[in-house]
Structures are given as structure tokens and as C-alpha cells.
Protein backbone atom coordinates (compact mmCIF):
# COMPACT_ATOMS: atom_id res chain seq x y z
CA MET A 1 0.14 0.01 0.16
CA ASN A 2 1.23 3.10 -1.08
CA ASP A 3 1.46 5.77 1.62
CA PHE A 4 -0.60 8.05 -0.01
CA ASP A 5 -3.17 5.36 0.34
CA ILE A 6 -3.53 5.84 3.67
CA PRO A 7 -7.51 7.27 4.57
CA ILE A 8 -6.15 10.12 7.01
CA PHE A 9 -3.59 11.54 4.12
CA LYS A 10 -6.82 11.34 1.75
CA LYS A 11 -8.44 13.11 3.93
CA ALA A 12 -6.32 16.11 5.08
CA TYR A 13 -5.10 16.10 1.21
CA ASP A 14 -9.11 16.56 0.05
CA LEU A 15 -9.10 19.44 3.43
CA TYR A 16 -6.07 21.53 1.46
CA LYS A 17 -8.06 21.21 -1.65
CA LYS A 18 -11.05 22.69 0.04
CA PHE A 19 -9.57 25.15 1.78
CA CYS A 20 -7.68 26.35 -1.41
CA GLU A 21 -10.90 26.65 -3.06
CA PHE A 22 -12.24 28.75 -0.31
CA ARG A 23 -9.14 31.14 -0.20
CA PRO A 24 -10.59 33.96 -3.03
CA LEU A 25 -13.72 34.39 -0.89
CA ILE A 26 -11.74 35.24 1.91
CA PRO A 27 -12.27 38.69 2.37
CA LYS A 28 -8.22 40.13 1.33
CA GLN A 29 -7.34 41.59 4.96
CA ASP A 30 -7.30 38.53 6.07
CA ARG A 31 -5.23 36.27 3.90
CA HIS A 32 -2.28 36.98 4.57
CA THR A 33 -3.08 36.19 8.25
CA ILE A 34 -5.72 33.93 9.29
CA CYS A 35 -5.96 32.83 6.56
CA GLN A 36 -2.39 31.80 5.52
CA ARG A 37 -1.72 30.85 9.51
CA CYS A 38 -4.73 27.55 8.51
CA ASP A 39 -2.97 27.44 5.37
CA GLU A 40 0.16 26.05 7.31
CA ALA A 41 -1.48 24.34 10.06
CA ILE A 42 -2.98 22.00 7.37
CA LEU A 43 0.28 21.42 5.84
CA ASP A 44 1.56 20.46 8.88
CA VAL A 45 -0.73 17.90 9.70
CA LEU A 46 -0.56 16.41 6.06
CA GLU A 47 3.16 16.49 6.51
CA ASN A 48 3.33 15.13 9.86
CA ILE A 49 0.73 12.31 8.77
CA LEU A 50 3.22 11.63 5.68
CA LEU A 51 5.90 11.30 8.02
CA ALA A 52 4.45 9.24 11.01
CA SER A 53 3.44 6.27 7.81
CA GLN A 54 6.95 6.40 7.34
CA THR A 55 8.44 6.13 9.92
CA LEU A 56 9.21 2.78 12.80
CA LYS A 57 6.75 2.33 15.48
CA ALA A 58 8.84 3.82 18.20
CA GLU A 59 9.13 6.78 16.54
CA LYS A 60 5.71 7.33 15.50
CA LEU A 61 4.09 8.73 18.67
CA PRO A 62 5.91 11.79 18.65
CA ILE A 63 5.10 12.66 15.58
CA LEU A 64 1.65 11.82 15.64
CA GLU A 65 1.01 13.63 18.71
CA LYS A 66 2.47 16.75 17.08
CA ALA A 67 -0.02 16.45 14.03
CA SER A 68 -2.29 16.09 16.38
CA ILE A 69 -1.42 19.75 17.91
CA LYS A 70 -1.07 21.29 14.89
CA LEU A 71 -4.76 19.99 13.82
CA ASN A 72 -6.19 21.41 17.33
CA PHE A 73 -4.51 24.86 16.36
CA LEU A 74 -6.06 24.51 12.84
CA ARG A 75 -9.76 24.13 14.66
CA VAL A 76 -8.99 27.46 16.93
CA PHE A 77 -8.02 29.69 13.75
CA ILE A 78 -10.98 27.97 11.68
CA ARG A 79 -13.55 29.11 14.08
CA LEU A 80 -11.58 32.57 14.61
CA MET A 81 -12.56 32.88 10.45
CA LYS A 82 -16.16 32.23 11.54
CA ASP A 83 -16.23 35.21 14.24
CA THR A 84 -14.94 37.52 12.64
CA LYS A 85 -17.12 36.65 9.22
CA ALA A 86 -13.42 36.08 7.42
CA LEU A 87 -15.33 32.76 6.63
CA ASP A 88 -18.82 31.87 6.22
CA ASN A 89 -21.28 29.23 8.23
CA LYS A 90 -21.79 27.33 5.75
CA LYS A 91 -17.82 26.89 4.78
CA TYR A 92 -17.06 26.65 8.56
CA VAL A 93 -19.40 24.17 9.08
CA THR A 94 -17.65 22.28 6.36
CA LEU A 95 -14.39 21.99 7.05
CA GLU A 96 -14.96 21.54 11.07
CA ALA A 97 -16.73 18.45 9.73
CA ASP A 98 -13.72 16.86 7.80
CA VAL A 99 -11.27 18.39 10.67
CA ASP A 100 -13.25 16.37 12.74
CA GLU A 101 -12.92 13.28 10.91
CA ILE A 102 -9.29 13.74 10.43
CA GLY A 103 -8.99 14.20 14.01
CA ARG A 104 -11.07 11.05 14.84
CA MET A 105 -8.28 9.19 12.89
CA LEU A 106 -5.50 10.75 14.30
CA GLY A 107 -6.70 9.65 17.60
CA GLY A 108 -7.34 5.99 15.98
CA TRP A 109 -3.64 6.27 15.37
CA ILE A 110 -2.26 6.96 18.53
CA LYS A 111 -4.49 5.20 20.93
CA SER A 112 -3.58 1.90 18.55
CA THR A 113 0.03 3.59 18.48
CA LYS A 114 0.13 3.53 22.42
CA GLU A 115 -1.24 -0.11 22.44
CA ARG A 116 1.57 -1.82 21.42
């Protein structure tokens, strides 16, 4: 199985693509601040998922936990974008649902890694 076929990687990849579709709709004053931070957080999560998938079992946990922290930052940033009206409620709900699903998948991976 290819690392790009991992369901959590696909979900995070699709989240980034969806976020990129929304970027032009975000007010210009927010694009280089909170929008950019969201962009970076999604890319960090993607990077850590891919890194964890290619790392030895004994070294996976810190990488997965780092991905989880970045995902929590992303959660806050997306909520902040909604609260400051940089993102409408419909787009917020769409992104938040994807972030929640990635969080559940990541939590399961962390749990299974701890049990080994």
C-alpha cells in the first residue's frame, strides 16, 4: 500500500484542496493573516501524517501527537475565521466536519500506537 493511499492522508489532502477553493472568497485583509496560518497548519498536519506513515513504530507517537496539536490549532483558527466573518457559516461547518473526522482518525492512530 502506498503512503498516499492512507485514508487519513487522503482526508487531510482533500481538506487542503477544499480550503484552497475557499481562499479567494476570504476577505483580502484576512488572506495574509489567519488564512495563511490555516494553510500552514493543514500543510503541517499533512506533512506529519506522511512522516508518521514512513517512520518506525517506536518513533511514530511524538510525530502523531505533533500532528494532533497542529490540528487543534487549525480548529481554533477556523473557528476564529468564522467568528470574525472571514468565513461564512456554511464553509465553516464543511471545514469543521472534515477537521473533526481527521481528528477522530488521528486519535485512533495515536491510541493504536500507544497500545503496541
